Amino acid sequence: MATKPPAMSPSDLPVEQVLERVTGPRRAEADELLALHAEVSGEQAVVWAGRIIGFGEFEYRYASGHGGRAPLMAFASGPREHTLYLVSDFAERWPELMDTLGRHRASKACLYLTRLTGVDRAVLRTLLERSLAETALPPA
């Protein structure tokens, strides 16, 4: 019996097909996020889990032994918001950036932007650069 691939894995799904699901003003914003992530990472975009646009890849392993693969940087644009996947605890690490970013919500490793209107692009780029630098570090 063939084993099922992990839910979080790269696919052959074309990036354009995922972007076509984004409508209205968020579509142009998704294109902007695509270009920004590609520029910051220097990597080609690959679709992960059927809806997440990722750049680069790394392997992780927890103390429990569980591990897997994940993109170095990623985002997903949905009907209500853009979700950017960043290094864990980014909001606590860089509060000065979060204070000047513009309207957003944050969780442990996700930055949620309803729209890019009002978001400081230079601050967003800095967040992506710092997150990439932290994620790309070899494990301690």
Protein backbone atom coordinates (compact mmCIF):
# COMPACT_ATOMS: atom_id res chain seq x y z
CA MET A 1 0.00 0.00 0.00
CA ALA A 2 1.35 3.42 -0.98
CA THR A 3 1.94 5.87 1.82
CA LYS A 4 0.14 9.18 1.71
CA PRO A 5 2.50 12.18 1.38
CA PRO A 6 2.51 14.60 4.33
CA ALA A 7 -0.08 17.37 4.11
CA MET A 8 2.67 19.98 4.17
CA SER A 9 4.67 19.03 1.12
CA PRO A 10 5.53 20.68 -2.18
CA SER A 11 3.37 19.91 -5.18
CA ASP A 12 3.46 20.23 -8.94
CA LEU A 13 0.42 22.51 -8.90
CA PRO A 14 1.19 25.67 -10.89
CA VAL A 15 1.50 28.84 -8.79
CA GLU A 16 -0.71 30.69 -11.27
CA GLN A 17 -3.53 28.22 -10.61
CA VAL A 18 -3.42 29.06 -6.89
CA LEU A 19 -3.28 32.79 -7.60
CA GLU A 20 -6.32 32.52 -9.89
CA ARG A 21 -8.40 31.64 -6.81
CA VAL A 22 -7.71 35.11 -5.37
CA THR A 23 -10.19 37.71 -6.55
CA GLY A 24 -10.80 41.43 -6.31
CA PRO A 25 -8.13 43.80 -5.01
CA ARG A 26 -6.38 40.97 -3.12
CA ARG A 27 -5.32 39.48 -6.47
CA ALA A 28 -2.96 42.37 -7.25
CA GLU A 29 -1.77 42.22 -3.64
CA ALA A 30 -1.07 38.48 -3.99
CA ASP A 31 1.03 39.25 -7.07
CA GLU A 32 2.90 41.88 -5.03
CA LEU A 33 3.52 39.38 -2.21
CA LEU A 34 4.71 36.80 -4.76
CA ALA A 35 7.25 39.26 -6.18
CA LEU A 36 8.39 40.42 -2.73
CA HIS A 37 8.88 36.89 -1.38
CA ALA A 38 10.77 35.84 -4.54
CA GLU A 39 13.01 38.90 -4.34
CA VAL A 40 13.80 38.50 -0.64
CA SER A 41 14.33 34.73 -0.80
CA GLY A 42 15.99 34.45 -4.21
CA GLU A 43 13.97 31.24 -4.64
CA GLN A 44 11.33 30.06 -7.11
CA ALA A 45 7.76 29.84 -5.88
CA VAL A 46 6.37 26.34 -5.26
CA VAL A 47 2.86 25.43 -4.12
CA TRP A 48 2.73 23.58 -0.79
CA ALA A 49 -0.35 21.81 0.59
CA GLY A 50 -2.38 22.88 -2.44
CA ARG A 51 -2.73 26.53 -1.41
CA ILE A 52 0.43 27.89 0.24
CA ILE A 53 3.02 29.56 -1.99
CA GLY A 54 6.43 28.73 -0.56
CA PHE A 55 10.00 29.70 -1.34
CA GLY A 56 12.97 27.49 -0.53
CA GLU A 57 12.81 24.54 1.83
CA PHE A 58 14.23 23.30 5.11
CA GLU A 59 13.91 20.21 7.27
CA TYR A 60 12.96 20.40 10.92
CA ARG A 61 12.88 17.92 13.78
CA TYR A 62 11.37 18.43 17.22
CA ALA A 63 12.71 16.92 20.45
CA SER A 64 9.81 14.46 20.25
CA GLY A 65 11.32 13.05 17.07
CA HIS A 66 8.56 14.41 14.83
CA GLY A 67 9.92 16.23 11.82
CA GLY A 68 9.20 17.24 8.31
CA ARG A 69 9.84 19.73 5.54
CA ALA A 70 8.59 23.27 5.24
CA PRO A 71 9.21 26.30 3.03
CA LEU A 72 11.72 28.87 4.26
CA MET A 73 9.18 31.59 3.51
CA ALA A 74 5.55 31.32 2.48
CA PHE A 75 2.22 33.05 2.14
CA ALA A 76 -1.36 32.18 1.28
CA SER A 77 -3.95 34.62 0.01
CA GLY A 78 -7.52 33.77 0.92
CA PRO A 79 -10.91 35.39 0.49
CA ARG A 80 -10.57 37.46 3.69
CA GLU A 81 -6.86 37.97 4.26
CA HIS A 82 -3.29 37.23 3.34
CA THR A 83 -1.44 34.89 5.70
CA LEU A 84 2.34 35.19 5.82
CA TYR A 85 4.23 32.34 7.48
CA LEU A 86 7.17 33.66 9.48
CA VAL A 87 9.62 32.40 12.09
CA SER A 88 8.06 31.47 15.44
CA ASP A 89 7.56 34.31 17.91
CA PHE A 90 8.36 36.98 15.31
CA ALA A 91 6.03 39.52 16.97
CA GLU A 92 7.84 39.16 20.30
CA ARG A 93 11.27 39.21 18.66
CA TRP A 94 10.68 42.41 16.70
CA PRO A 95 8.03 44.53 18.44
CA GLU A 96 9.48 47.72 16.96
CA LEU A 97 8.63 46.42 13.48
CA MET A 98 5.17 45.26 14.50
CA ASP A 99 4.43 48.69 15.97
CA THR A 100 5.15 50.41 12.64
CA LEU A 101 3.93 47.77 10.17
CA GLY A 102 0.35 48.99 9.91
CA ARG A 103 -2.92 47.14 10.46
CA HIS A 104 -2.36 43.43 11.12
CA ARG A 105 -2.99 40.47 13.40
CA ALA A 106 -0.31 38.06 14.53
CA SER A 107 -0.15 34.55 15.98
CA LYS A 108 2.89 32.48 16.95
CA ALA A 109 4.17 32.11 13.37
CA CYS A 110 1.57 33.81 11.15
CA LEU A 111 1.09 37.40 10.14
CA TYR A 112 -2.43 38.19 8.95
CA LEU A 113 -3.03 41.16 6.67
CA THR A 114 -6.57 41.92 5.58
CA ARG A 115 -5.24 44.23 2.87
CA LEU A 116 -1.84 45.65 2.00
CA THR A 117 -3.32 49.15 2.00
CA GLY A 118 -1.72 50.98 4.91
CA VAL A 119 1.01 48.37 5.39
CA ASP A 120 4.51 49.86 5.40
CA ARG A 121 6.24 47.89 2.63
CA ALA A 122 9.75 48.62 3.95
CA VAL A 123 8.80 47.24 7.37
CA LEU A 124 7.18 44.19 5.73
CA ARG A 125 10.36 43.55 3.73
CA THR A 126 12.46 43.82 6.90
CA LEU A 127 10.19 41.30 8.66
CA LEU A 128 10.58 38.88 5.75
CA GLU A 129 14.36 39.35 5.64
CA ARG A 130 14.74 38.79 9.39
CA SER A 131 12.43 35.79 9.39
CA LEU A 132 14.33 34.23 6.49
CA ALA A 133 17.67 34.80 8.23
CA GLU A 134 16.37 33.09 11.39
CA THR A 135 14.73 30.19 9.54
CA ALA A 136 17.78 29.56 7.37
CA LEU A 137 20.08 29.19 10.40
CA PRO A 138 21.38 25.66 10.93
CA PRO A 139 19.86 23.91 13.98
CA ALA A 140 21.71 24.43 17.26
